[in-house]
Amino acid sequence: MKPAFKTFLLTGLLATVTTVIQAQPGPGPGPNSDTRARMHEHMDRHIADIKAKLKLTPDQEDLWTSYVSAMKPPADAKGPDRAEMEKLTTPERLDKMRELRKQRDTEMDKRDAATRAFYAKLTPEQKKIFDTSTGPQYRNRGMWGPRAQ
């Protein structure tokens, strides 16, 4: 797989997972109530780790900020209201899902543009670091078999 495609694929996967997680109703009080907070802490640490590894120049800082901002899910990201969906006919539900899909595609296009703009300003060495830092998490763990060279 080409590095740029891997980056695009991971970006899309991250955006989709984040959007789905954001769309889920928050857990009530209990042992899992801080799952989302832990996930955000993990993502923040990962972002800080990538930034440290990249050793950005002052000229790259603005694009980094734009990239990180674009990767954050919209604050108002919500899935369809289950009660509302149950009231709709099948064609109406399909229309509603198409509308939500278009909204997610628009958000993904924004993330794609920000990623490409940032990536274009990286040095070849930084691109390698970015590719490995944003690639599949299990590539060397045997889950998907040996890593293709």
N, C-alpha and C. Protein backbone atom coordinates (compact mmCIF):
# COMPACT_ATOMS: atom_id res chain seq x y z
N MET A 1 0.83 -1.17 0.00
CA MET A 1 0.00 0.00 0.00
C MET A 1 0.88 1.24 0.00
N LYS A 2 0.52 2.26 -0.75
CA LYS A 2 1.30 3.48 -0.79
C LYS A 2 1.10 4.26 0.51
N PRO A 3 2.15 4.94 0.99
CA PRO A 3 2.05 5.68 2.26
C PRO A 3 0.92 6.70 2.28
N ALA A 4 0.73 7.43 1.19
CA ALA A 4 -0.33 8.44 1.17
C ALA A 4 -1.70 7.79 1.30
N PHE A 5 -1.87 6.63 0.67
CA PHE A 5 -3.15 5.93 0.77
C PHE A 5 -3.37 5.45 2.20
N LYS A 6 -2.30 4.95 2.83
CA LYS A 6 -2.41 4.49 4.22
C LYS A 6 -2.83 5.64 5.12
N THR A 7 -2.23 6.81 4.90
CA THR A 7 -2.57 7.97 5.71
C THR A 7 -4.03 8.34 5.49
N PHE A 8 -4.45 8.36 4.25
CA PHE A 8 -5.84 8.68 3.94
C PHE A 8 -6.78 7.65 4.58
N LEU A 9 -6.43 6.37 4.48
CA LEU A 9 -7.25 5.31 5.05
C LEU A 9 -7.36 5.45 6.56
N LEU A 10 -6.23 5.70 7.22
CA LEU A 10 -6.26 5.84 8.67
C LEU A 10 -7.05 7.08 9.07
N THR A 11 -6.87 8.16 8.34
CA THR A 11 -7.60 9.37 8.64
C THR A 11 -9.10 9.13 8.53
N GLY A 12 -9.50 8.43 7.47
CA GLY A 12 -10.91 8.11 7.30
C GLY A 12 -11.43 7.22 8.40
N LEU A 13 -10.65 6.22 8.78
CA LEU A 13 -11.04 5.31 9.85
C LEU A 13 -11.17 6.07 11.16
N LEU A 14 -10.20 6.91 11.47
CA LEU A 14 -10.25 7.70 12.69
C LEU A 14 -11.46 8.61 12.71
N ALA A 15 -11.72 9.25 11.59
CA ALA A 15 -12.87 10.15 11.51
C ALA A 15 -14.18 9.39 11.69
N THR A 16 -14.28 8.25 11.07
CA THR A 16 -15.50 7.45 11.18
C THR A 16 -15.72 6.96 12.60
N VAL A 17 -14.66 6.42 13.20
CA VAL A 17 -14.78 5.92 14.57
C VAL A 17 -15.13 7.05 15.52
N THR A 18 -14.47 8.19 15.35
CA THR A 18 -14.75 9.32 16.22
C THR A 18 -16.17 9.81 16.04
N THR A 19 -16.65 9.87 14.81
CA THR A 19 -18.01 10.30 14.55
C THR A 19 -19.01 9.33 15.16
N VAL A 20 -18.76 8.04 15.02
CA VAL A 20 -19.66 7.03 15.59
C VAL A 20 -19.67 7.13 17.10
N ILE A 21 -18.49 7.29 17.70
CA ILE A 21 -18.42 7.40 19.16
C ILE A 21 -19.14 8.66 19.62
N GLN A 22 -18.95 9.76 18.91
CA GLN A 22 -19.63 11.00 19.27
C GLN A 22 -21.14 10.86 19.13
N ALA A 23 -21.58 10.04 18.17
CA ALA A 23 -23.01 9.90 17.90
C ALA A 23 -23.71 9.04 18.94
N GLN A 24 -22.97 8.24 19.66
CA GLN A 24 -23.56 7.37 20.65
C GLN A 24 -23.95 8.18 21.88
N PRO A 25 -25.09 7.85 22.49
CA PRO A 25 -25.44 8.55 23.72
C PRO A 25 -24.40 8.23 24.78
N GLY A 26 -24.07 9.21 25.57
CA GLY A 26 -23.06 9.02 26.61
C GLY A 26 -23.50 7.99 27.62
N PRO A 27 -22.54 7.23 28.17
CA PRO A 27 -22.89 6.24 29.17
C PRO A 27 -23.34 6.92 30.45
N GLY A 28 -24.22 6.27 31.15
CA GLY A 28 -24.68 6.79 32.42
C GLY A 28 -23.62 6.57 33.48
N PRO A 29 -23.95 6.92 34.72
CA PRO A 29 -22.97 6.71 35.78
C PRO A 29 -22.66 5.22 35.92
N GLY A 30 -21.44 4.94 36.19
CA GLY A 30 -21.03 3.55 36.33
C GLY A 30 -19.59 3.38 35.97
N PRO A 31 -19.13 2.14 35.89
CA PRO A 31 -17.71 1.90 35.66
C PRO A 31 -17.22 2.35 34.29
N ASN A 32 -18.10 2.48 33.30
CA ASN A 32 -17.67 2.87 31.95
C ASN A 32 -17.91 4.34 31.63
N SER A 33 -18.29 5.13 32.63
CA SER A 33 -18.67 6.52 32.37
C SER A 33 -17.50 7.38 31.92
N ASP A 34 -16.27 6.97 32.18
CA ASP A 34 -15.14 7.79 31.76
C ASP A 34 -14.43 7.21 30.54
N THR A 35 -15.05 6.31 29.81
CA THR A 35 -14.44 5.71 28.63
C THR A 35 -14.12 6.76 27.58
N ARG A 36 -15.05 7.65 27.32
CA ARG A 36 -14.84 8.69 26.32
C ARG A 36 -13.70 9.62 26.74
N ALA A 37 -13.65 9.96 28.02
CA ALA A 37 -12.57 10.83 28.51
C ALA A 37 -11.21 10.15 28.34
N ARG A 38 -11.15 8.86 28.63
CA ARG A 38 -9.89 8.13 28.46
C ARG A 38 -9.49 8.09 26.99
N MET A 39 -10.47 7.90 26.11
CA MET A 39 -10.19 7.87 24.68
C MET A 39 -9.62 9.22 24.23
N HIS A 40 -10.22 10.31 24.69
CA HIS A 40 -9.73 11.64 24.31
C HIS A 40 -8.33 11.89 24.87
N GLU A 41 -8.07 11.44 26.09
CA GLU A 41 -6.73 11.57 26.66
C GLU A 41 -5.71 10.81 25.82
N HIS A 42 -6.09 9.60 25.41
CA HIS A 42 -5.20 8.79 24.58
C HIS A 42 -4.93 9.49 23.25
N MET A 43 -5.97 10.02 22.63
CA MET A 43 -5.80 10.71 21.35
C MET A 43 -4.92 11.95 21.53
N ASP A 44 -5.11 12.69 22.62
CA ASP A 44 -4.29 13.88 22.86
C ASP A 44 -2.82 13.51 23.05
N ARG A 45 -2.56 12.42 23.78
CA ARG A 45 -1.18 11.97 23.95
C ARG A 45 -0.58 11.55 22.61
N HIS A 46 -1.36 10.86 21.80
CA HIS A 46 -0.89 10.40 20.49
C HIS A 46 -0.56 11.60 19.59
N ILE A 47 -1.42 12.60 19.60
CA ILE A 47 -1.18 13.81 18.80
C ILE A 47 0.08 14.52 19.28
N ALA A 48 0.25 14.65 20.60
CA ALA A 48 1.45 15.30 21.14
C ALA A 48 2.70 14.50 20.78
N ASP A 49 2.59 13.17 20.80
CA ASP A 49 3.72 12.31 20.45
C ASP A 49 4.11 12.50 18.98
N ILE A 50 3.13 12.53 18.10
CA ILE A 50 3.41 12.74 16.67
C ILE A 50 4.08 14.09 16.47
N LYS A 51 3.54 15.13 17.11
CA LYS A 51 4.11 16.47 16.94
C LYS A 51 5.56 16.51 17.41
N ALA A 52 5.84 15.87 18.54
CA ALA A 52 7.21 15.85 19.05
C ALA A 52 8.15 15.12 18.09
N LYS A 53 7.70 14.02 17.52
CA LYS A 53 8.52 13.25 16.59
C LYS A 53 8.79 14.03 15.30
N LEU A 54 7.81 14.82 14.86
CA LEU A 54 7.95 15.53 13.60
C LEU A 54 8.93 16.71 13.67
N LYS A 55 9.11 17.25 14.87
CA LYS A 55 10.01 18.40 15.03
C LYS A 55 9.67 19.48 14.00
N LEU A 56 8.46 19.98 14.12
CA LEU A 56 7.94 20.96 13.17
C LEU A 56 8.71 22.27 13.19
N THR A 57 8.81 22.86 12.02
CA THR A 57 9.40 24.19 11.91
C THR A 57 8.31 25.21 12.21
N PRO A 58 8.70 26.45 12.51
CA PRO A 58 7.67 27.48 12.75
C PRO A 58 6.72 27.65 11.55
N ASP A 59 7.23 27.45 10.34
CA ASP A 59 6.38 27.57 9.15
C ASP A 59 5.31 26.48 9.08
N GLN A 60 5.55 25.36 9.74
CA GLN A 60 4.61 24.23 9.69
C GLN A 60 3.59 24.26 10.82
N GLU A 61 3.81 25.10 11.82
CA GLU A 61 2.94 25.12 13.00
C GLU A 61 1.49 25.45 12.67
N ASP A 62 1.28 26.45 11.81
CA ASP A 62 -0.10 26.84 11.47
C ASP A 62 -0.84 25.69 10.78
N LEU A 63 -0.16 25.00 9.86
CA LEU A 63 -0.79 23.86 9.19
C LEU A 63 -1.05 22.73 10.17
N TRP A 64 -0.15 22.53 11.13
CA TRP A 64 -0.37 21.50 12.16
C TRP A 64 -1.63 21.83 12.96
N THR A 65 -1.77 23.09 13.35
CA THR A 65 -2.94 23.50 14.12
C THR A 65 -4.21 23.29 13.30
N SER A 66 -4.17 23.64 12.02
CA SER A 66 -5.33 23.43 11.15
C SER A 66 -5.65 21.95 11.01
N TYR A 67 -4.60 21.15 10.86
CA TYR A 67 -4.77 19.70 10.72
C TYR A 67 -5.42 19.11 11.97
N VAL A 68 -4.89 19.44 13.14
CA VAL A 68 -5.43 18.89 14.39
C VAL A 68 -6.87 19.35 14.59
N SER A 69 -7.14 20.62 14.28
CA SER A 69 -8.52 21.13 14.42
C SER A 69 -9.48 20.40 13.49
N ALA A 70 -9.03 20.14 12.27
CA ALA A 70 -9.89 19.46 11.30
C ALA A 70 -10.17 18.02 11.72
N MET A 71 -9.24 17.40 12.43
CA MET A 71 -9.42 16.00 12.81
C MET A 71 -10.39 15.83 13.96
N LYS A 72 -10.64 16.90 14.72
CA LYS A 72 -11.57 16.80 15.83
C LYS A 72 -13.00 16.71 15.28
N PRO A 73 -13.79 15.84 15.86
CA PRO A 73 -15.17 15.72 15.37
C PRO A 73 -15.97 16.97 15.73
N PRO A 74 -16.97 17.27 14.94
CA PRO A 74 -17.79 18.45 15.26
C PRO A 74 -18.47 18.26 16.62
N ALA A 75 -18.60 19.35 17.34
CA ALA A 75 -19.18 19.28 18.69
C ALA A 75 -20.64 18.82 18.65
N ASP A 76 -21.32 19.11 17.55
CA ASP A 76 -22.74 18.76 17.45
C ASP A 76 -22.98 17.45 16.71
N ALA A 77 -21.94 16.62 16.57
CA ALA A 77 -22.09 15.35 15.86
C ALA A 77 -23.04 14.44 16.64
N LYS A 78 -24.11 14.09 16.00
CA LYS A 78 -25.09 13.20 16.63
C LYS A 78 -25.60 12.22 15.59
N GLY A 79 -25.91 11.06 16.06
CA GLY A 79 -26.56 10.08 15.21
C GLY A 79 -28.05 10.36 15.18
N PRO A 80 -28.76 9.58 14.41
CA PRO A 80 -30.20 9.79 14.35
C PRO A 80 -30.86 9.45 15.69
N ASP A 81 -31.89 10.19 16.02
CA ASP A 81 -32.65 9.91 17.23
C ASP A 81 -33.46 8.64 16.99
N ARG A 82 -33.24 7.66 17.83
CA ARG A 82 -33.88 6.36 17.64
C ARG A 82 -35.41 6.47 17.64
N ALA A 83 -35.96 7.25 18.55
CA ALA A 83 -37.42 7.39 18.62
C ALA A 83 -37.95 8.06 17.35
N GLU A 84 -37.22 9.05 16.87
CA GLU A 84 -37.63 9.74 15.64
C GLU A 84 -37.57 8.78 14.45
N MET A 85 -36.52 7.99 14.38
CA MET A 85 -36.35 7.06 13.27
C MET A 85 -37.46 6.00 13.24
N GLU A 86 -37.90 5.57 14.40
CA GLU A 86 -38.96 4.56 14.46
C GLU A 86 -40.28 5.07 13.92
N LYS A 87 -40.49 6.37 13.96
CA LYS A 87 -41.73 6.97 13.47
C LYS A 87 -41.75 7.11 11.95
N LEU A 88 -40.58 7.01 11.31
CA LEU A 88 -40.49 7.22 9.88
C LEU A 88 -40.80 5.95 9.10
N THR A 89 -41.24 6.14 7.86
CA THR A 89 -41.42 5.00 6.97
C THR A 89 -40.03 4.58 6.48
N THR A 90 -39.96 3.42 5.86
CA THR A 90 -38.67 2.94 5.36
C THR A 90 -38.04 3.92 4.38
N PRO A 91 -38.77 4.42 3.37
CA PRO A 91 -38.14 5.39 2.47
C PRO A 91 -37.69 6.67 3.19
N GLU A 92 -38.45 7.11 4.19
CA GLU A 92 -38.05 8.30 4.95
C GLU A 92 -36.78 8.03 5.76
N ARG A 93 -36.68 6.83 6.34
CA ARG A 93 -35.47 6.46 7.08
C ARG A 93 -34.26 6.42 6.14
N LEU A 94 -34.46 5.87 4.95
CA LEU A 94 -33.37 5.82 3.98
C LEU A 94 -32.92 7.24 3.59
N ASP A 95 -33.89 8.14 3.41
CA ASP A 95 -33.56 9.53 3.09
C ASP A 95 -32.78 10.18 4.23
N LYS A 96 -33.21 9.93 5.46
CA LYS A 96 -32.54 10.48 6.64
C LYS A 96 -31.10 9.96 6.72
N MET A 97 -30.92 8.68 6.47
CA MET A 97 -29.59 8.09 6.53
C MET A 97 -28.71 8.63 5.41
N ARG A 98 -29.29 8.87 4.24
CA ARG A 98 -28.53 9.46 3.13
C ARG A 98 -28.06 10.86 3.51
N GLU A 99 -28.95 11.63 4.15
CA GLU A 99 -28.59 12.98 4.59
C GLU A 99 -27.44 12.94 5.60
N LEU A 100 -27.51 12.04 6.56
CA LEU A 100 -26.44 11.90 7.55
C LEU A 100 -25.13 11.46 6.90
N ARG A 101 -25.24 10.58 5.92
CA ARG A 101 -24.05 10.11 5.20
C ARG A 101 -23.39 11.27 4.45
N LYS A 102 -24.19 12.14 3.84
CA LYS A 102 -23.66 13.31 3.14
C LYS A 102 -22.93 14.24 4.11
N GLN A 103 -23.50 14.41 5.30
CA GLN A 103 -22.85 15.25 6.31
C GLN A 103 -21.51 14.65 6.71
N ARG A 104 -21.46 13.35 6.92
CA ARG A 104 -20.19 12.69 7.29
C ARG A 104 -19.19 12.78 6.15
N ASP A 105 -19.66 12.64 4.91
CA ASP A 105 -18.76 12.77 3.76
C ASP A 105 -18.17 14.18 3.68
N THR A 106 -18.98 15.19 3.96
CA THR A 106 -18.50 16.57 3.95
C THR A 106 -17.42 16.76 5.00
N GLU A 107 -17.65 16.23 6.20
CA GLU A 107 -16.65 16.31 7.27
C GLU A 107 -15.38 15.56 6.87
N MET A 108 -15.53 14.42 6.24
CA MET A 108 -14.36 13.65 5.82
C MET A 108 -13.58 14.39 4.75
N ASP A 109 -14.27 15.07 3.85
CA ASP A 109 -13.58 15.86 2.82
C ASP A 109 -12.75 16.97 3.46
N LYS A 110 -13.28 17.60 4.52
CA LYS A 110 -12.52 18.64 5.22
C LYS A 110 -11.27 18.03 5.87
N ARG A 111 -11.41 16.86 6.48
CA ARG A 111 -10.26 16.20 7.10
C ARG A 111 -9.24 15.80 6.04
N ASP A 112 -9.72 15.31 4.93
CA ASP A 112 -8.83 14.92 3.84
C ASP A 112 -8.02 16.12 3.34
N ALA A 113 -8.69 17.25 3.12
CA ALA A 113 -8.01 18.45 2.62
C ALA A 113 -6.97 18.94 3.63
N ALA A 114 -7.32 18.94 4.91
CA ALA A 114 -6.37 19.39 5.94
C ALA A 114 -5.17 18.46 6.02
N THR A 115 -5.41 17.16 5.91
CA THR A 115 -4.32 16.19 5.97
C THR A 115 -3.40 16.37 4.77
N ARG A 116 -3.96 16.50 3.59
CA ARG A 116 -3.15 16.67 2.39
C ARG A 116 -2.34 17.97 2.42
N ALA A 117 -2.95 19.05 2.89
CA ALA A 117 -2.25 20.33 2.97
C ALA A 117 -1.08 20.24 3.95
N PHE A 118 -1.31 19.62 5.09
CA PHE A 118 -0.24 19.48 6.08
C PHE A 118 0.86 18.55 5.56
N TYR A 119 0.46 17.43 5.01
CA TYR A 119 1.41 16.43 4.52
C TYR A 119 2.29 17.01 3.41
N ALA A 120 1.72 17.85 2.56
CA ALA A 120 2.47 18.43 1.45
C ALA A 120 3.60 19.33 1.94
N LYS A 121 3.48 19.89 3.13
CA LYS A 121 4.51 20.79 3.66
C LYS A 121 5.56 20.08 4.50
N LEU A 122 5.44 18.77 4.66
CA LEU A 122 6.42 18.02 5.43
C LEU A 122 7.63 17.69 4.57
N THR A 123 8.76 17.54 5.23
CA THR A 123 9.97 17.09 4.54
C THR A 123 9.83 15.59 4.29
N PRO A 124 10.63 15.02 3.39
CA PRO A 124 10.56 13.57 3.18
C PRO A 124 10.76 12.77 4.47
N GLU A 125 11.65 13.22 5.33
CA GLU A 125 11.89 12.52 6.60
C GLU A 125 10.65 12.63 7.51
N GLN A 126 10.05 13.81 7.56
CA GLN A 126 8.84 13.99 8.35
C GLN A 126 7.68 13.16 7.81
N LYS A 127 7.60 13.04 6.49
CA LYS A 127 6.54 12.22 5.89
C LYS A 127 6.66 10.77 6.32
N LYS A 128 7.88 10.25 6.38
CA LYS A 128 8.07 8.88 6.85
C LYS A 128 7.61 8.73 8.29
N ILE A 129 7.96 9.69 9.13
CA ILE A 129 7.55 9.66 10.53
C ILE A 129 6.03 9.73 10.63
N PHE A 130 5.43 10.63 9.86
CA PHE A 130 3.97 10.79 9.89
C PHE A 130 3.29 9.50 9.43
N ASP A 131 3.80 8.91 8.35
CA ASP A 131 3.21 7.67 7.82
C ASP A 131 3.24 6.55 8.86
N THR A 132 4.37 6.38 9.53
CA THR A 132 4.46 5.29 10.51
C THR A 132 3.69 5.62 11.78
N SER A 133 3.59 6.90 12.12
CA SER A 133 2.88 7.29 13.34
C SER A 133 1.37 7.28 13.18
N THR A 134 0.89 7.31 11.95
CA THR A 134 -0.56 7.32 11.73
C THR A 134 -1.04 6.06 11.02
N GLY A 135 -0.14 5.10 10.83
CA GLY A 135 -0.49 3.86 10.15
C GLY A 135 -1.24 2.90 11.05
N PRO A 136 -1.59 1.76 10.51
CA PRO A 136 -2.33 0.77 11.28
C PRO A 136 -1.58 0.38 12.56
N GLN A 137 -2.31 0.28 13.64
CA GLN A 137 -1.71 0.00 14.94
C GLN A 137 -1.20 -1.43 15.08
N TYR A 138 -1.69 -2.34 14.29
CA TYR A 138 -1.35 -3.75 14.48
C TYR A 138 -0.42 -4.30 13.42
N ARG A 139 0.18 -3.46 12.64
CA ARG A 139 0.94 -3.95 11.50
C ARG A 139 2.08 -4.87 11.88
N ASN A 140 2.71 -4.69 13.04
CA ASN A 140 3.84 -5.52 13.42
C ASN A 140 3.48 -6.52 14.52
N ARG A 141 2.25 -6.69 14.81
CA ARG A 141 1.83 -7.55 15.91
C ARG A 141 1.27 -8.89 15.46
N GLY A 142 1.31 -9.16 14.20
CA GLY A 142 0.87 -10.47 13.71
C GLY A 142 -0.61 -10.58 13.45
N MET A 143 -1.41 -9.59 13.84
CA MET A 143 -2.85 -9.70 13.62
C MET A 143 -3.19 -9.78 12.15
N TRP A 144 -2.48 -9.02 11.32
CA TRP A 144 -2.76 -9.00 9.89
C TRP A 144 -1.71 -9.77 9.12
N GLY A 145 -0.93 -10.53 9.80
CA GLY A 145 0.13 -11.28 9.12
C GLY A 145 1.37 -10.43 9.02
N PRO A 146 2.39 -10.93 8.37
CA PRO A 146 3.64 -10.18 8.27
C PRO A 146 3.47 -8.89 7.50
N ARG A 147 4.23 -7.89 7.89
CA ARG A 147 4.18 -6.59 7.23
C ARG A 147 4.79 -6.71 5.84
N ALA A 148 4.09 -6.18 4.87
CA ALA A 148 4.61 -6.18 3.50
C ALA A 148 5.77 -5.20 3.40
N GLN A 149 6.82 -5.61 2.74
CA GLN A 149 8.00 -4.74 2.62
C GLN A 149 7.99 -4.03 1.29
